[in-house]
Amino acid sequence: MKRLEGKRAIVTGAGNGIGREISLRLASEGAMVALADLDEEAAKKVASEIDGDTIIHKTDVANPEDFEALVGRVVSEWGGLDVMVNNAGVGVAANAPDTSLDDWQFVMSVNLKGTFLGMKYAVPAMRDSGGGSIVNMSSIAALVGLKDRAAYSAAKGGILALTRAAAIDHIEEGIRVNCIAPGTVETPWVDRITSGYDDPVEAKETMKARQPHGRFVQPEEIAAMAAYLASDESASVVGACMVVDGGVTAR
């Protein structure tokens, strides 16, 4: 029997990068996966790669109505919710003075508010289902200082704190809340974030070099951690920040 057999899961930002790999991995482990993404076509493409039950739901994670509808649809169609992966995220490359107010609000809305909303609507559904696992996507930016990541670091630090608070709030309800703190992962996001530098190639190599193991973290490695946290194998892992960074934070 697969370790997530019959589990009902939602993955936000499921259409690309880490979210895509998490969706594929959870499905391969036996879960039914609701792919939530603002890019509905990208989510459909991922769904086409899955041999199992899926739901495709166009979702703006900063919009409470979208999240409420997403969770409501999963509960209506599948009878409950067992796994919530709050993965959707964005970033801008800038220090505090150079971060525009619009960029600050955008990063906070998608990353921190989106994670909050995912938990706000997932927890009652999981409570009704008898428990569940919430996996939030933080970052090593919550643990160490990274150059030109002011808004991103603040948002990801908020996700880490929110994860720990929620873990204590809901453990007695059988709901485990944990987060993952990736290092620099090889996704299209890296190309977008480095495109704003004078020398994007040099910027990308710098990002790669800061991992002591000498390479980018792969999306599949984050997906493997998400599958572990979603499964009953991690039953005693509560309020944890699981670092997958090639040794950055070991320094």
Protein backbone atom coordinates (compact mmCIF):
# COMPACT_ATOMS: atom_id res chain seq x y z
CA MET A 1 0.00 0.00 0.00
CA LYS A 2 1.31 3.45 -0.89
CA ARG A 3 1.93 5.67 2.12
CA LEU A 4 -0.52 8.39 1.03
CA GLU A 5 -3.16 6.03 -0.32
CA GLY A 6 -6.60 7.67 -0.16
CA LYS A 7 -5.31 10.96 1.25
CA ARG A 8 -7.03 14.07 -0.08
CA ALA A 9 -4.49 16.83 -0.73
CA ILE A 10 -4.34 20.42 -1.94
CA VAL A 11 -1.16 21.92 -3.39
CA THR A 12 -1.01 25.63 -4.14
CA GLY A 13 1.25 26.94 -6.87
CA ALA A 14 0.88 23.48 -8.36
CA GLY A 15 1.46 24.43 -11.98
CA ASN A 16 5.21 24.95 -11.98
CA GLY A 17 8.49 24.38 -10.17
CA ILE A 18 8.34 22.98 -6.65
CA GLY A 19 4.54 22.84 -6.66
CA ARG A 20 4.53 20.72 -9.79
CA GLU A 21 6.97 18.23 -8.31
CA ILE A 22 5.08 18.07 -5.00
CA SER A 23 1.83 17.38 -6.85
CA LEU A 24 3.41 14.61 -8.89
CA ARG A 25 5.08 13.07 -5.83
CA LEU A 26 1.95 13.09 -3.67
CA ALA A 27 -0.03 11.52 -6.49
CA SER A 28 2.64 8.85 -7.00
CA GLU A 29 2.31 8.04 -3.29
CA GLY A 30 -1.43 7.44 -3.74
CA ALA A 31 -2.96 10.81 -2.85
CA MET A 32 -5.80 12.51 -4.65
CA VAL A 33 -4.43 15.95 -5.50
CA ALA A 34 -6.22 19.27 -6.01
CA LEU A 35 -3.95 21.44 -8.12
CA ALA A 36 -4.48 25.09 -7.23
CA ASP A 37 -2.82 27.74 -9.36
CA LEU A 38 -3.59 31.14 -10.83
CA ASP A 39 -2.28 29.70 -14.11
CA GLU A 40 -5.05 27.20 -14.80
CA GLU A 41 -3.46 25.95 -18.03
CA ALA A 42 -0.24 25.07 -16.21
CA ALA A 43 -2.24 23.16 -13.58
CA LYS A 44 -4.05 21.26 -16.33
CA LYS A 45 -0.72 20.25 -17.83
CA VAL A 46 0.45 18.86 -14.49
CA ALA A 47 -2.85 17.02 -14.05
CA SER A 48 -2.32 15.36 -17.43
CA GLU A 49 0.85 13.78 -16.00
CA ILE A 50 -0.99 12.25 -13.06
CA ASP A 51 -2.56 8.80 -13.19
CA GLY A 52 -5.11 9.35 -10.45
CA ASP A 53 -7.86 11.61 -9.17
CA THR A 54 -7.22 15.33 -9.54
CA ILE A 55 -9.10 18.58 -9.20
CA ILE A 56 -7.94 21.67 -11.09
CA HIS A 57 -8.95 24.94 -9.44
CA LYS A 58 -7.90 28.42 -10.56
CA THR A 59 -6.83 30.07 -7.34
CA ASP A 60 -5.44 33.43 -6.29
CA VAL A 61 -4.02 32.49 -2.90
CA ALA A 62 -4.32 36.09 -1.69
CA ASN A 63 -8.09 36.01 -2.28
CA PRO A 64 -10.09 34.51 0.61
CA GLU A 65 -13.08 33.78 -1.62
CA ASP A 66 -10.89 31.71 -3.94
CA PHE A 67 -9.46 29.71 -1.04
CA GLU A 68 -12.84 29.13 0.55
CA ALA A 69 -14.19 27.88 -2.78
CA LEU A 70 -11.15 25.64 -3.30
CA VAL A 71 -11.42 23.91 0.07
CA GLY A 72 -15.19 23.71 -0.22
CA ARG A 73 -14.91 22.02 -3.60
CA VAL A 74 -12.42 19.43 -2.33
CA VAL A 75 -14.62 18.62 0.65
CA SER A 76 -17.72 18.44 -1.54
CA GLU A 77 -16.16 16.20 -4.20
CA TRP A 78 -13.88 14.04 -2.07
CA GLY A 79 -15.58 14.13 1.31
CA GLY A 80 -12.81 15.82 3.29
CA LEU A 81 -9.27 17.13 3.40
CA ASP A 82 -6.16 15.44 4.79
CA VAL A 83 -3.16 17.34 3.40
CA MET A 84 -2.66 21.05 2.70
CA VAL A 85 0.57 22.19 1.04
CA ASN A 86 0.87 25.97 1.06
CA ASN A 87 3.53 26.25 -1.60
CA ALA A 88 2.62 29.27 -3.76
CA GLY A 89 5.16 32.04 -3.45
CA VAL A 90 6.81 35.00 -5.14
CA GLY A 91 9.89 37.12 -4.56
CA VAL A 92 11.59 40.33 -5.61
CA ALA A 93 15.30 41.11 -5.60
CA ALA A 94 15.78 44.28 -3.55
CA ASN A 95 16.92 45.60 -0.19
CA ALA A 96 14.47 47.47 2.04
CA PRO A 97 14.97 51.02 0.66
CA ASP A 98 14.75 49.78 -2.93
CA THR A 99 11.62 47.68 -2.36
CA SER A 100 8.56 49.50 -3.64
CA LEU A 101 5.45 49.52 -1.49
CA ASP A 102 3.61 47.65 -4.24
CA ASP A 103 6.28 44.94 -4.34
CA TRP A 104 6.25 44.65 -0.55
CA GLN A 105 2.48 44.24 -0.53
CA PHE A 106 2.59 41.72 -3.40
CA VAL A 107 5.19 39.51 -1.70
CA MET A 108 3.39 39.63 1.63
CA SER A 109 0.00 38.94 0.05
CA VAL A 110 1.04 35.86 -1.88
CA ASN A 111 3.54 34.35 0.55
CA LEU A 112 2.34 35.20 4.05
CA LYS A 113 -1.32 36.04 3.55
CA GLY A 114 -1.67 33.12 1.15
CA THR A 115 -0.27 30.71 3.73
CA PHE A 116 -2.52 32.17 6.42
CA LEU A 117 -5.60 31.78 4.22
CA GLY A 118 -4.65 28.23 3.33
CA MET A 119 -4.52 27.36 7.01
CA LYS A 120 -7.63 29.36 7.86
CA TYR A 121 -9.77 27.30 5.52
CA ALA A 122 -7.91 23.98 5.72
CA VAL A 123 -7.98 23.60 9.50
CA PRO A 124 -11.80 23.41 9.87
CA ALA A 125 -11.98 20.92 6.99
CA MET A 126 -9.25 18.79 8.56
CA ARG A 127 -10.93 19.01 11.94
CA ASP A 128 -14.07 17.56 10.37
CA SER A 129 -11.96 14.86 8.69
CA GLY A 130 -10.40 13.77 11.98
CA GLY A 131 -7.01 15.41 11.52
CA GLY A 132 -4.44 16.10 8.85
CA SER A 133 -1.09 17.54 7.88
CA ILE A 134 -0.32 21.10 6.80
CA VAL A 135 2.98 21.73 5.04
CA ASN A 136 4.00 25.37 4.62
CA MET A 137 6.81 26.57 2.38
CA SER A 138 9.26 28.79 4.26
CA SER A 139 12.88 29.31 3.18
CA ILE A 140 16.42 29.54 4.45
CA ALA A 141 15.74 33.27 4.11
CA ALA A 142 13.80 32.88 7.37
CA LEU A 143 16.91 31.51 9.08
CA VAL A 144 19.89 33.45 7.67
CA GLY A 145 20.39 36.80 6.03
CA LEU A 146 20.34 36.82 2.22
CA LYS A 147 21.38 39.81 0.15
CA ASP A 148 18.60 41.71 -1.66
CA ARG A 149 15.73 39.67 -0.26
CA ALA A 150 14.15 42.08 2.25
CA ALA A 151 10.46 41.48 1.53
CA TYR A 152 10.94 37.80 0.75
CA SER A 153 12.88 37.19 3.96
CA ALA A 154 10.25 38.98 6.04
CA ALA A 155 7.43 36.97 4.48
CA LYS A 156 9.20 33.64 4.85
CA GLY A 157 10.14 34.46 8.45
CA GLY A 158 6.47 35.14 9.09
CA ILE A 159 5.56 31.75 7.63
CA LEU A 160 8.00 30.04 9.99
CA ALA A 161 6.55 31.83 13.03
CA LEU A 162 2.99 31.17 11.89
CA THR A 163 3.81 27.48 11.42
CA ARG A 164 5.08 27.13 14.97
CA ALA A 165 2.12 28.98 16.46
CA ALA A 166 -0.39 26.90 14.49
CA ALA A 167 1.36 23.67 15.40
CA ILE A 168 0.67 24.34 19.08
CA ASP A 169 -2.86 25.58 18.40
CA HIS A 170 -4.01 22.50 16.53
CA ILE A 171 -1.98 19.49 17.67
CA GLU A 172 -4.74 18.36 20.06
CA GLU A 173 -7.10 18.28 17.07
CA GLY A 174 -4.86 15.81 15.29
CA ILE A 175 -3.61 18.44 12.85
CA ARG A 176 0.15 18.65 12.40
CA VAL A 177 1.67 21.84 11.01
CA ASN A 178 5.25 21.94 9.73
CA CYS A 179 7.25 23.87 7.18
CA ILE A 180 10.07 23.29 4.74
CA ALA A 181 12.98 25.71 4.36
CA PRO A 182 14.55 25.12 0.95
CA GLY A 183 17.86 26.51 -0.14
CA THR A 184 18.06 27.82 -3.70
CA VAL A 185 16.02 25.44 -5.83
CA GLU A 186 16.50 25.06 -9.58
CA THR A 187 13.16 26.35 -10.87
CA PRO A 188 11.98 29.01 -13.33
CA TRP A 189 11.79 31.35 -10.32
CA VAL A 190 15.61 31.51 -10.26
CA ASP A 191 15.68 32.82 -13.82
CA ARG A 192 13.00 35.40 -13.05
CA ILE A 193 14.69 36.67 -9.90
CA THR A 194 18.12 36.95 -11.59
CA SER A 195 16.79 38.61 -14.73
CA GLY A 196 16.78 41.94 -12.94
CA TYR A 197 20.53 41.92 -12.32
CA ASP A 198 23.08 43.55 -14.66
CA ASP A 199 24.62 40.12 -15.27
CA PRO A 200 21.92 37.44 -14.84
CA VAL A 201 24.36 34.60 -15.56
CA GLU A 202 26.76 35.75 -12.85
CA ALA A 203 23.87 36.23 -10.42
CA LYS A 204 22.64 32.70 -11.07
CA GLU A 205 26.12 31.24 -10.55
CA THR A 206 26.41 33.16 -7.27
CA MET A 207 23.12 31.68 -6.09
CA LYS A 208 24.32 28.21 -7.01
CA ALA A 209 27.69 28.65 -5.30
CA ARG A 210 26.22 29.56 -1.91
CA GLN A 211 25.15 25.91 -1.44
CA PRO A 212 28.16 24.14 0.10
CA HIS A 213 27.32 20.98 -1.84
CA GLY A 214 27.97 23.00 -5.00
CA ARG A 215 24.68 22.79 -6.86
CA PHE A 216 21.10 23.96 -6.80
CA VAL A 217 18.66 22.00 -4.69
CA GLN A 218 16.36 20.02 -6.99
CA PRO A 219 12.54 20.39 -6.84
CA GLU A 220 12.23 16.63 -6.43
CA GLU A 221 14.18 16.86 -3.17
CA ILE A 222 11.66 19.33 -1.75
CA ALA A 223 8.81 17.14 -2.99
CA ALA A 224 10.28 14.16 -1.14
CA MET A 225 10.29 16.14 2.10
CA ALA A 226 6.70 17.30 1.52
CA ALA A 227 5.59 13.70 0.98
CA TYR A 228 7.26 12.66 4.22
CA LEU A 229 5.58 15.45 6.19
CA ALA A 230 2.23 14.60 4.61
CA SER A 231 2.52 10.96 5.59
CA ASP A 232 1.96 9.17 8.88
CA GLU A 233 5.69 8.40 8.99
CA SER A 234 6.16 11.92 10.38
CA ALA A 235 3.52 11.51 13.10
CA SER A 236 5.82 12.95 15.78
CA VAL A 237 7.08 15.84 13.64
CA VAL A 238 5.17 18.89 14.85
CA GLY A 239 6.05 22.56 14.40
CA ALA A 240 9.31 21.65 12.69
CA CYS A 241 11.26 23.57 10.09
CA MET A 242 12.76 20.96 7.77
CA VAL A 243 15.82 22.47 6.11
CA VAL A 244 16.78 21.21 2.63
CA ASP A 245 19.58 23.54 1.60
CA GLY A 246 22.77 21.70 0.70
CA GLY A 247 24.46 22.92 3.87
CA VAL A 248 23.87 26.70 3.70
CA THR A 249 22.61 26.96 7.27
CA ALA A 250 25.29 24.57 8.60
CA ARG A 251 27.91 27.28 8.33
